[in-house]
C-alpha atoms as a PDB file:
ATOM      1  CA  MET A   1      99.414  86.718  94.148  1.00  0.00           C
ATOM      2  CA  ALA A   2      99.292  90.342  93.027  1.00  0.00           C
ATOM      3  CA  GLY A   3      95.681  90.503  94.200  1.00  0.00           C
ATOM      4  CA  PHE A   4      96.609  89.208  97.646  1.00  0.00           C
ATOM      5  CA  ALA A   5      99.500  91.665  97.950  1.00  0.00           C
ATOM      6  CA  VAL A   6      97.257  94.607  97.061  1.00  0.00           C
ATOM      7  CA  GLU A   7      94.703  93.288  99.568  1.00  0.00           C
ATOM      8  CA  ASP A   8      97.383  93.276 102.294  1.00  0.00           C
ATOM      9  CA  MET A   9      98.388  96.831 101.418  1.00  0.00           C
ATOM     10  CA  PHE A  10      94.793  98.092 101.661  1.00  0.00           C
ATOM     11  CA  LEU A  11      94.124  96.264 104.936  1.00  0.00           C
ATOM     12  CA  LYS A  12      97.241  97.768 106.499  1.00  0.00           C
ATOM     13  CA  SER A  13      96.112 101.197 105.290  1.00  0.00           C
ATOM     14  CA  ALA A  14      92.558 100.762 106.641  1.00  0.00           C
ATOM     15  CA  ALA A  15      93.896  99.772 110.080  1.00  0.00           C
ATOM     16  CA  VAL A  16      95.513 103.214 110.446  1.00  0.00           C
ATOM     17  CA  SER A  17      92.142 104.738 111.355  1.00  0.00           C
ATOM     18  CA  MET A  18      90.122 101.667 112.400  1.00  0.00           C
ATOM     19  CA  PRO A  19      90.439  98.938 115.045  1.00  0.00           C
ATOM     20  CA  ILE A  20      91.921  95.773 113.571  1.00  0.00           C
ATOM     21  CA  GLY A  21      88.952  93.583 114.483  1.00  0.00           C
ATOM     22  CA  GLN A  22      86.514  95.897 112.725  1.00  0.00           C
ATOM     23  CA  VAL A  23      88.745  96.025 109.653  1.00  0.00           C
ATOM     24  CA  MET A  24      88.445  92.242 109.471  1.00  0.00           C
ATOM     25  CA  ILE A  25      84.673  92.322 109.984  1.00  0.00           C
ATOM     26  CA  TRP A  26      84.037  94.803 107.170  1.00  0.00           C
ATOM     27  CA  PHE A  27      86.552  93.060 104.899  1.00  0.00           C
ATOM     28  CA  GLY A  28      84.966  89.664 105.531  1.00  0.00           C
ATOM     29  CA  LEU A  29      81.465  90.974 104.913  1.00  0.00           C
ATOM     30  CA  GLY A  30      82.488  92.655 101.665  1.00  0.00           C
ATOM     31  CA  GLY A  31      84.341  89.613 100.324  1.00  0.00           C
ATOM     32  CA  SER A  32      81.563  87.203 101.264  1.00  0.00           C
ATOM     33  CA  LEU A  33      79.018  89.457  99.548  1.00  0.00           C
ATOM     34  CA  ILE A  34      81.008  89.288  96.317  1.00  0.00           C
ATOM     35  CA  PHE A  35      81.270  85.489  96.350  1.00  0.00           C
ATOM     36  CA  ALA A  36      77.679  85.019  97.536  1.00  0.00           C
ATOM     37  CA  SER A  37      76.457  87.092  94.577  1.00  0.00           C
ATOM     38  CA  VAL A  38      78.433  84.897  92.167  1.00  0.00           C
ATOM     39  CA  ALA A  39      77.235  81.658  93.786  1.00  0.00           C
ATOM     40  CA  LEU A  40      73.581  82.704  93.847  1.00  0.00           C
ATOM     41  CA  ALA A  41      73.777  83.921  90.246  1.00  0.00           C
ATOM     42  CA  ARG A  42      74.902  80.409  89.305  1.00  0.00           C
ATOM     43  CA  GLY A  43      72.064  78.842  91.276  1.00  0.00           C
ATOM     44  CA  GLN A  44      74.354  77.406  93.943  1.00  0.00           C
ATOM     45  CA  SER A  45      73.306  76.983  97.562  1.00  0.00           C
ATOM     46  CA  LEU A  46      75.373  78.803 100.177  1.00  0.00           C
ATOM     47  CA  PHE A  47      74.564  76.108 102.757  1.00  0.00           C
ATOM     48  CA  PRO A  48      75.094  72.717 101.091  1.00  0.00           C
ATOM     49  CA  HIS A  49      75.348  69.710 103.380  1.00  0.00           C
ATOM     50  CA  ALA A  50      79.046  69.324 102.547  1.00  0.00           C
ATOM     51  CA  VAL A  51      79.984  72.472 104.494  1.00  0.00           C
ATOM     52  CA  VAL A  52      79.438  70.686 107.802  1.00  0.00           C
ATOM     53  CA  GLU A  53      81.663  67.726 106.965  1.00  0.00           C
ATOM     54  CA  PRO A  54      84.689  67.338 109.286  1.00  0.00           C
ATOM     55  CA  THR A  55      87.228  68.400 106.664  1.00  0.00           C
ATOM     56  CA  MET A  56      85.376  71.692 106.133  1.00  0.00           C
ATOM     57  CA  LEU A  57      85.179  72.328 109.873  1.00  0.00           C
ATOM     58  CA  VAL A  58      88.933  71.812 110.097  1.00  0.00           C
ATOM     59  CA  ARG A  59      89.434  74.075 107.083  1.00  0.00           C
ATOM     60  CA  ASN A  60      87.318  76.800 108.666  1.00  0.00           C
ATOM     61  CA  ALA A  61      89.279  76.614 111.920  1.00  0.00           C
ATOM     62  CA  PHE A  62      92.590  76.992 110.082  1.00  0.00           C
ATOM     63  CA  GLU A  63      91.109  79.807 107.973  1.00  0.00           C
ATOM     64  CA  ILE A  64      90.264  81.723 111.147  1.00  0.00           C
ATOM     65  CA  MET A  65      93.737  81.120 112.534  1.00  0.00           C
ATOM     66  CA  GLY A  66      95.523  82.129 109.329  1.00  0.00           C
ATOM     67  CA  ARG A  67      93.439  85.222 108.641  1.00  0.00           C
ATOM     68  CA  LEU A  68      93.525  86.518 112.211  1.00  0.00           C
ATOM     69  CA  PHE A  69      97.238  86.177 112.858  1.00  0.00           C
ATOM     70  CA  PHE A  70      98.413  87.208 109.397  1.00  0.00           C
ATOM     71  CA  THR A  71      96.190  90.298 109.445  1.00  0.00           C
ATOM     72  CA  LEU A  72      97.673  91.201 112.827  1.00  0.00           C
ATOM     73  CA  ALA A  73     101.141  90.608 111.357  1.00  0.00           C
ATOM     74  CA  ILE A  74     100.734  92.904 108.349  1.00  0.00           C
ATOM     75  CA  VAL A  75      99.220  95.645 110.526  1.00  0.00           C
ATOM     76  CA  LEU A  76     101.644  95.484 113.466  1.00  0.00           C
ATOM     77  CA  THR A  77     104.873  94.504 111.679  1.00  0.00           C
ATOM     78  CA  PRO A  78     106.526  95.469 108.361  1.00  0.00           C
ATOM     79  CA  LEU A  79     104.539  94.198 105.376  1.00  0.00           C
ATOM     80  CA  SER A  80     107.701  93.011 103.630  1.00  0.00           C
ATOM     81  CA  SER A  81     108.872  90.744 106.481  1.00  0.00           C
ATOM     82  CA  ALA A  82     105.380  89.319 107.105  1.00  0.00           C
ATOM     83  CA  THR A  83     105.055  88.501 103.395  1.00  0.00           C
ATOM     84  CA  ALA A  84     108.502  86.883 103.413  1.00  0.00           C
ATOM     85  CA  ILE A  85     107.572  84.559 106.294  1.00  0.00           C
ATOM     86  CA  LEU A  86     104.335  83.649 104.507  1.00  0.00           C
ATOM     87  CA  GLN A  87     106.385  82.183 101.645  1.00  0.00           C
ATOM     88  CA  ALA A  88     107.151  79.190 103.851  1.00  0.00           C
ATOM     89  CA  THR A  89     103.528  78.045 103.449  1.00  0.00           C
ATOM     90  CA  PRO A  90     104.183  75.686 100.466  1.00  0.00           C
ATOM     91  CA  ILE A  91     107.100  74.126 102.370  1.00  0.00           C
ATOM     92  CA  VAL A  92     104.921  73.401 105.390  1.00  0.00           C
ATOM     93  CA  VAL A  93     102.181  72.066 103.077  1.00  0.00           C
ATOM     94  CA  VAL A  94     104.607  69.513 101.591  1.00  0.00           C
ATOM     95  CA  ALA A  95     105.659  68.418 105.082  1.00  0.00           C
ATOM     96  CA  GLY A  96     102.015  68.182 106.161  1.00  0.00           C
ATOM     97  CA  ALA A  97     101.079  66.178 103.076  1.00  0.00           C
ATOM     98  CA  ALA A  98     103.766  63.639 103.977  1.00  0.00           C
ATOM     99  CA  LEU A  99     102.715  63.433 107.622  1.00  0.00           C
ATOM    100  CA  PHE A 100      98.930  63.438 107.220  1.00  0.00           C
ATOM    101  CA  PHE A 101      98.259  62.164 103.683  1.00  0.00           C
ATOM    102  CA  GLY A 102     101.101  59.674 103.400  1.00  0.00           C
ATOM    103  CA  GLU A 103     102.663  61.343 100.357  1.00  0.00           C
ATOM    104  CA  LYS A 104     106.180  60.157  99.651  1.00  0.00           C
ATOM    105  CA  VAL A 105     108.843  62.724 100.499  1.00  0.00           C
ATOM    106  CA  GLY A 106     112.471  61.637 100.124  1.00  0.00           C
ATOM    107  CA  TRP A 107     115.348  62.641 102.367  1.00  0.00           C
ATOM    108  CA  ARG A 108     116.475  65.376  99.971  1.00  0.00           C
ATOM    109  CA  ARG A 109     113.139  67.158 100.226  1.00  0.00           C
ATOM    110  CA  TRP A 110     113.117  66.741 104.022  1.00  0.00           C
ATOM    111  CA  VAL A 111     116.520  68.442 104.097  1.00  0.00           C
ATOM    112  CA  ALA A 112     115.152  71.219 101.881  1.00  0.00           C
ATOM    113  CA  ILE A 113     112.132  71.591 104.189  1.00  0.00           C
ATOM    114  CA  SER A 114     114.479  71.957 107.169  1.00  0.00           C
ATOM    115  CA  VAL A 115     116.604  74.513 105.305  1.00  0.00           C
ATOM    116  CA  GLY A 116     113.503  76.493 104.334  1.00  0.00           C
ATOM    117  CA  LEU A 117     112.325  76.627 107.945  1.00  0.00           C
ATOM    118  CA  CYS A 118     115.796  77.822 108.915  1.00  0.00           C
ATOM    119  CA  GLY A 119     115.203  80.665 106.469  1.00  0.00           C
ATOM    120  CA  VAL A 120     112.214  81.684 108.596  1.00  0.00           C
ATOM    121  CA  LEU A 121     114.499  81.762 111.639  1.00  0.00           C
ATOM    122  CA  VAL A 122     116.929  83.989 109.740  1.00  0.00           C
ATOM    123  CA  ILE A 123     114.106  86.496 109.216  1.00  0.00           C
ATOM    124  CA  LEU A 124     112.863  86.227 112.804  1.00  0.00           C
ATOM    125  CA  ARG A 125     116.370  86.378 114.352  1.00  0.00           C
ATOM    126  CA  PRO A 126     115.391  84.975 117.764  1.00  0.00           C
ATOM    127  CA  GLY A 127     117.854  86.038 120.433  1.00  0.00           C
ATOM    128  CA  ALA A 128     118.945  89.160 118.532  1.00  0.00           C
ATOM    129  CA  ASP A 129     118.392  92.629 119.951  1.00  0.00           C
ATOM    130  CA  SER A 130     116.148  93.475 117.007  1.00  0.00           C
ATOM    131  CA  PHE A 131     113.870  90.468 117.584  1.00  0.00           C
ATOM    132  CA  THR A 132     110.220  91.312 118.222  1.00  0.00           C
ATOM    133  CA  ALA A 133     107.701  88.809 119.506  1.00  0.00           C
ATOM    134  CA  LEU A 134     105.146  90.327 117.115  1.00  0.00           C
ATOM    135  CA  SER A 135     106.956  88.552 114.264  1.00  0.00           C
ATOM    136  CA  ILE A 136     105.573  85.286 115.664  1.00  0.00           C
ATOM    137  CA  LEU A 137     102.165  86.487 114.436  1.00  0.00           C
ATOM    138  CA  ALA A 138     103.295  85.984 110.830  1.00  0.00           C
ATOM    139  CA  VAL A 139     104.504  82.456 111.668  1.00  0.00           C
ATOM    140  CA  LEU A 140     101.146  81.568 113.235  1.00  0.00           C
ATOM    141  CA  GLY A 141      99.344  83.038 110.219  1.00  0.00           C
ATOM    142  CA  MET A 142     101.546  81.019 107.875  1.00  0.00           C
ATOM    143  CA  LEU A 143     100.798  77.809 109.785  1.00  0.00           C
ATOM    144  CA  GLY A 144      97.079  78.600 109.648  1.00  0.00           C
ATOM    145  CA  PHE A 145      97.160  79.062 105.876  1.00  0.00           C
ATOM    146  CA  ALA A 146      99.177  75.851 105.443  1.00  0.00           C
ATOM    147  CA  GLY A 147      96.581  73.951 107.461  1.00  0.00           C
ATOM    148  CA  ARG A 148      93.803  75.517 105.390  1.00  0.00           C
ATOM    149  CA  ASP A 149      95.496  74.470 102.144  1.00  0.00           C
ATOM    150  CA  LEU A 150      95.908  70.907 103.396  1.00  0.00           C
ATOM    151  CA  ALA A 151      92.278  70.758 104.501  1.00  0.00           C
ATOM    152  CA  THR A 152      91.201  72.161 101.130  1.00  0.00           C
ATOM    153  CA  ARG A 153      92.784  69.173  99.425  1.00  0.00           C
ATOM    154  CA  ALA A 154      90.557  66.897 101.500  1.00  0.00           C
ATOM    155  CA  ALA A 155      87.452  69.095 101.230  1.00  0.00           C
ATOM    156  CA  PRO A 156      84.455  67.745  99.273  1.00  0.00           C
ATOM    157  CA  LYS A 157      84.898  68.275  95.538  1.00  0.00           C
ATOM    158  CA  THR A 158      81.203  69.121  95.262  1.00  0.00           C
ATOM    159  CA  LEU A 159      81.822  72.532  96.820  1.00  0.00           C
ATOM    160  CA  SER A 160      82.344  75.188  94.159  1.00  0.00           C
ATOM    161  CA  GLY A 161      84.977  77.908  94.269  1.00  0.00           C
ATOM    162  CA  PRO A 162      82.434  80.681  95.024  1.00  0.00           C
ATOM    163  CA  VAL A 163      80.920  78.699  97.911  1.00  0.00           C
ATOM    164  CA  LEU A 164      84.391  78.064  99.349  1.00  0.00           C
ATOM    165  CA  GLY A 165      85.029  81.794  98.968  1.00  0.00           C
ATOM    166  CA  VAL A 166      81.848  82.679 100.861  1.00  0.00           C
ATOM    167  CA  TRP A 167      82.751  80.438 103.767  1.00  0.00           C
ATOM    168  CA  GLY A 168      86.367  81.584 103.732  1.00  0.00           C
ATOM    169  CA  PHE A 169      85.331  85.224 104.096  1.00  0.00           C
ATOM    170  CA  TRP A 170      82.708  84.365 106.728  1.00  0.00           C
ATOM    171  CA  MET A 171      85.554  82.944 108.791  1.00  0.00           C
ATOM    172  CA  ILE A 172      87.259  86.351 108.551  1.00  0.00           C
ATOM    173  CA  VAL A 173      84.112  87.919 110.018  1.00  0.00           C
ATOM    174  CA  ILE A 174      84.160  85.414 112.891  1.00  0.00           C
ATOM    175  CA  ALA A 175      87.850  86.103 113.517  1.00  0.00           C
ATOM    176  CA  GLY A 176      87.169  89.845 113.441  1.00  0.00           C
ATOM    177  CA  VAL A 177      84.260  89.585 115.880  1.00  0.00           C
ATOM    178  CA  GLY A 178      86.358  87.544 118.291  1.00  0.00           C
ATOM    179  CA  PHE A 179      89.261  89.993 118.156  1.00  0.00           C
ATOM    180  CA  SER A 180      86.912  92.968 118.462  1.00  0.00           C
ATOM    181  CA  VAL A 181      85.543  91.538 121.711  1.00  0.00           C
ATOM    182  CA  TRP A 182      89.112  91.144 122.938  1.00  0.00           C
ATOM    183  CA  GLU A 183      89.993  94.718 121.838  1.00  0.00           C
ATOM    184  CA  GLY A 184      86.917  96.175 123.482  1.00  0.00           C
ATOM    185  CA  ALA A 185      86.701  98.959 120.872  1.00  0.00           C
ATOM    186  CA  GLU A 186      83.358 100.582 120.099  1.00  0.00           C
ATOM    187  CA  LEU A 187      81.808  99.681 116.756  1.00  0.00           C
ATOM    188  CA  ALA A 188      82.179 102.531 114.265  1.00  0.00           C
ATOM    189  CA  LEU A 189      81.580 103.011 110.564  1.00  0.00           C
ATOM    190  CA  PRO A 190      84.751 103.402 108.469  1.00  0.00           C
ATOM    191  CA  ASP A 191      85.641 106.928 107.394  1.00  0.00           C
ATOM    192  CA  GLY A 192      86.118 107.824 103.745  1.00  0.00           C
ATOM    193  CA  ARG A 193      89.756 106.731 103.514  1.00  0.00           C
ATOM    194  CA  ALA A 194      89.160 103.470 105.378  1.00  0.00           C
ATOM    195  CA  ALA A 195      86.041 102.717 103.312  1.00  0.00           C
ATOM    196  CA  LEU A 196      88.011 103.191 100.093  1.00  0.00           C
ATOM    197  CA  ALA A 197      90.824 100.961 101.373  1.00  0.00           C
ATOM    198  CA  LEU A 198      88.373  98.252 102.470  1.00  0.00           C
ATOM    199  CA  SER A 199      86.629  98.360  99.088  1.00  0.00           C
ATOM    200  CA  GLY A 200      89.964  97.863  97.372  1.00  0.00           C
ATOM    201  CA  ALA A 201      90.892  95.025  99.730  1.00  0.00           C
ATOM    202  CA  CYS A 202      87.580  93.258  99.039  1.00  0.00           C
ATOM    203  CA  ALA A 203      87.856  93.626  95.256  1.00  0.00           C
ATOM    204  CA  PHE A 204      91.489  92.553  94.940  1.00  0.00           C
ATOM    205  CA  GLY A 205      91.211  89.911  97.678  1.00  0.00           C
ATOM    206  CA  ALA A 206      88.226  88.277  96.001  1.00  0.00           C
ATOM    207  CA  CYS A 207      90.041  88.343  92.660  1.00  0.00           C
ATOM    208  CA  GLY A 208      93.132  86.716  94.158  1.00  0.00           C
ATOM    209  CA  TYR A 209      91.089  84.130  96.073  1.00  0.00           C
ATOM    210  CA  ALA A 210      89.053  83.145  93.026  1.00  0.00           C
ATOM    211  CA  SER A 211      92.115  83.007  90.768  1.00  0.00           C
ATOM    212  CA  LEU A 212      94.112  80.856  93.180  1.00  0.00           C
ATOM    213  CA  THR A 213      91.224  78.459  93.802  1.00  0.00           C
ATOM    214  CA  GLN A 214      90.661  78.022  90.075  1.00  0.00           C
ATOM    215  CA  ALA A 215      94.372  77.574  89.395  1.00  0.00           C
ATOM    216  CA  MET A 216      94.850  74.977  92.138  1.00  0.00           C
ATOM    217  CA  ARG A 217      91.739  73.028  91.120  1.00  0.00           C
ATOM    218  CA  THR A 218      92.316  72.965  87.361  1.00  0.00           C
ATOM    219  CA  GLY A 219      96.059  73.371  86.854  1.00  0.00           C
ATOM    220  CA  ASP A 220      99.075  71.194  87.526  1.00  0.00           C
ATOM    221  CA  VAL A 221      99.933  71.914  91.165  1.00  0.00           C
ATOM    222  CA  SER A 222     103.663  71.626  90.478  1.00  0.00           C
ATOM    223  CA  ALA A 223     103.316  74.235  87.735  1.00  0.00           C
ATOM    224  CA  VAL A 224     101.039  76.598  89.667  1.00  0.00           C
ATOM    225  CA  THR A 225     102.704  76.574  93.091  1.00  0.00           C
ATOM    226  CA  PRO A 226     106.006  78.288  92.107  1.00  0.00           C
ATOM    227  CA  PHE A 227     104.018  81.386  91.181  1.00  0.00           C
ATOM    228  CA  ARG A 228     103.052  81.750  94.858  1.00  0.00           C
ATOM    229  CA  TYR A 229     106.516  83.170  95.445  1.00  0.00           C
ATOM    230  CA  SER A 230     105.748  86.169  93.225  1.00  0.00           C
ATOM    231  CA  ARG A 231     103.728  87.489  96.176  1.00  0.00           C
ATOM    232  CA  LEU A 232     107.061  88.198  97.874  1.00  0.00           C
ATOM    233  CA  LEU A 233     108.066  90.629  95.124  1.00  0.00           C
ATOM    234  CA  PHE A 234     104.750  92.473  95.309  1.00  0.00           C
ATOM    235  CA  GLY A 235     104.797  92.533  99.123  1.00  0.00           C
ATOM    236  CA  ILE A 236     108.323  93.915  99.282  1.00  0.00           C
ATOM    237  CA  GLY A 237     107.506  96.472  96.592  1.00  0.00           C
ATOM    238  CA  PHE A 238     104.440  97.775  98.423  1.00  0.00           C
ATOM    239  CA  GLY A 239     106.272  97.754 101.749  1.00  0.00           C
ATOM    240  CA  VAL A 240     109.067  99.924 100.388  1.00  0.00           C
ATOM    241  CA  LEU A 241     107.100 102.216  98.068  1.00  0.00           C
ATOM    242  CA  VAL A 242     103.894 102.703 100.078  1.00  0.00           C
ATOM    243  CA  PHE A 243     104.982 102.324 103.708  1.00  0.00           C
ATOM    244  CA  GLY A 244     108.653 103.355 103.445  1.00  0.00           C
ATOM    245  CA  GLU A 245     109.983 100.117 104.925  1.00  0.00           C
ATOM    246  CA  ALA A 246     113.724  99.444 104.909  1.00  0.00           C
ATOM    247  CA  LEU A 247     114.974  96.131 103.545  1.00  0.00           C
ATOM    248  CA  GLU A 248     117.333  94.497 106.023  1.00  0.00           C
ATOM    249  CA  PRO A 249     119.998  92.052 104.769  1.00  0.00           C
ATOM    250  CA  GLN A 250     118.757  89.299 107.107  1.00  0.00           C
ATOM    251  CA  MET A 251     115.232  89.540 105.736  1.00  0.00           C
ATOM    252  CA  LEU A 252     116.467  89.342 102.148  1.00  0.00           C
ATOM    253  CA  ALA A 253     118.775  86.418 102.976  1.00  0.00           C
ATOM    254  CA  GLY A 254     116.005  84.528 104.763  1.00  0.00           C
ATOM    255  CA  SER A 255     113.629  85.170 101.873  1.00  0.00           C
ATOM    256  CA  ALA A 256     116.151  83.817  99.387  1.00  0.00           C
ATOM    257  CA  ILE A 257     116.627  80.654 101.495  1.00  0.00           C
ATOM    258  CA  ILE A 258     112.874  80.047 101.740  1.00  0.00           C
ATOM    259  CA  VAL A 259     112.222  80.585  98.028  1.00  0.00           C
ATOM    260  CA  ALA A 260     115.212  78.483  96.934  1.00  0.00           C
ATOM    261  CA  SER A 261     114.187  75.636  99.250  1.00  0.00           C
ATOM    262  CA  GLY A 262     110.588  75.785  98.084  1.00  0.00           C
ATOM    263  CA  LEU A 263     111.516  75.702  94.410  1.00  0.00           C
ATOM    264  CA  TYR A 264     113.883  72.794  94.994  1.00  0.00           C
ATOM    265  CA  ILE A 265     111.148  70.856  96.812  1.00  0.00           C
ATOM    266  CA  LEU A 266     108.771  71.421  93.910  1.00  0.00           C
ATOM    267  CA  ALA A 267     111.400  70.446  91.342  1.00  0.00           C
ATOM    268  CA  ARG A 268     112.199  67.200  93.189  1.00  0.00           C
ATOM    269  CA  GLY A 269     108.500  66.418  93.533  1.00  0.00           C
ATOM    270  CA  ARG A 270     107.936  66.894  89.793  1.00  0.00           C
ATOM    271  CA  ARG A 271     110.915  64.658  88.979  1.00  0.00           C
ATOM    272  CA  GLN A 272     109.609  61.875  91.222  1.00  0.00           C
ATOM    273  CA  ASN A 273     106.154  62.134  89.667  1.00  0.00           C
END
C-alpha cells in the first residue's frame, strides 16, 4: 500500500509538466518492462494461451477502466480525497462476490456495505456547493479496480504474478494511448523532473503490485485485506505534506465510515468462515 501511495504521488507530480495520457503511456511501458524482465528471467512466456481466456479479457477491461479514471482522479482532484474513495474497493468486492460468485453474505454485512457506500457519498457531497463532478472519476476508478480484483479471483491460476503484472501495465499503456488521442496533445519526451517522477512511479508501483499479488495469492485474504486501508494514511500524508492539501471534516468523516464498514465486513466474514 505504501508503494501504491508513492506511485500516486509521483504520477501526480509528473502530470504537472506532461499530458495525462502520455504520463500513463510512459508509466505503463516502464512497469511492464520491469515485470517482463522478471518473467523472462524465470523462463515464463509473456503470451501464454491463458491470457486470452474470457476472465482475463474481462480483467483487462476493468484494469483499463480503473487505471484511466483513478489516474485522472489523482491528477485533477486532491490526492487525499481520491485515495479515501478508493478505500471502498474491498466493500464493493464483497458485494460483487455475493452477486457474481454466489458467496454467502448475511444481512449484517449487506447493511455494512450500504453504510460504507454512504461514506463515499459523504466524501462526494452531491448537491453541496463544494461538489465537483471530477470526484466521480475516483468512483469510476474504484469500481474498475473492484471489477479487476473480482476477475483476478476467476483468472487462470497458471498465470504467474509477473505475467499478470506485464498485462496489467500493458493495459495502462492502452488506456494512455486512448486518452492521448482524446487529448490531442503532441507526443513529447518527459523533461528531467517528469522522467525522475515516472521512474519513481514505475519502481514503487511495480513493488506494490508484486507485493499485493503475492500477498493475495499466498496469504489469508481476511488477514491481508485490512492492510489495504493503510493506503489511506499514506495518501493523506502525501496529499498534505507534498501537495499542501487541506483535510476537510466531511472527507475525514466519510473515510472513517468506509474503513469502519470495511473492517466490520471482514470481521463478520472471518467469523462465518
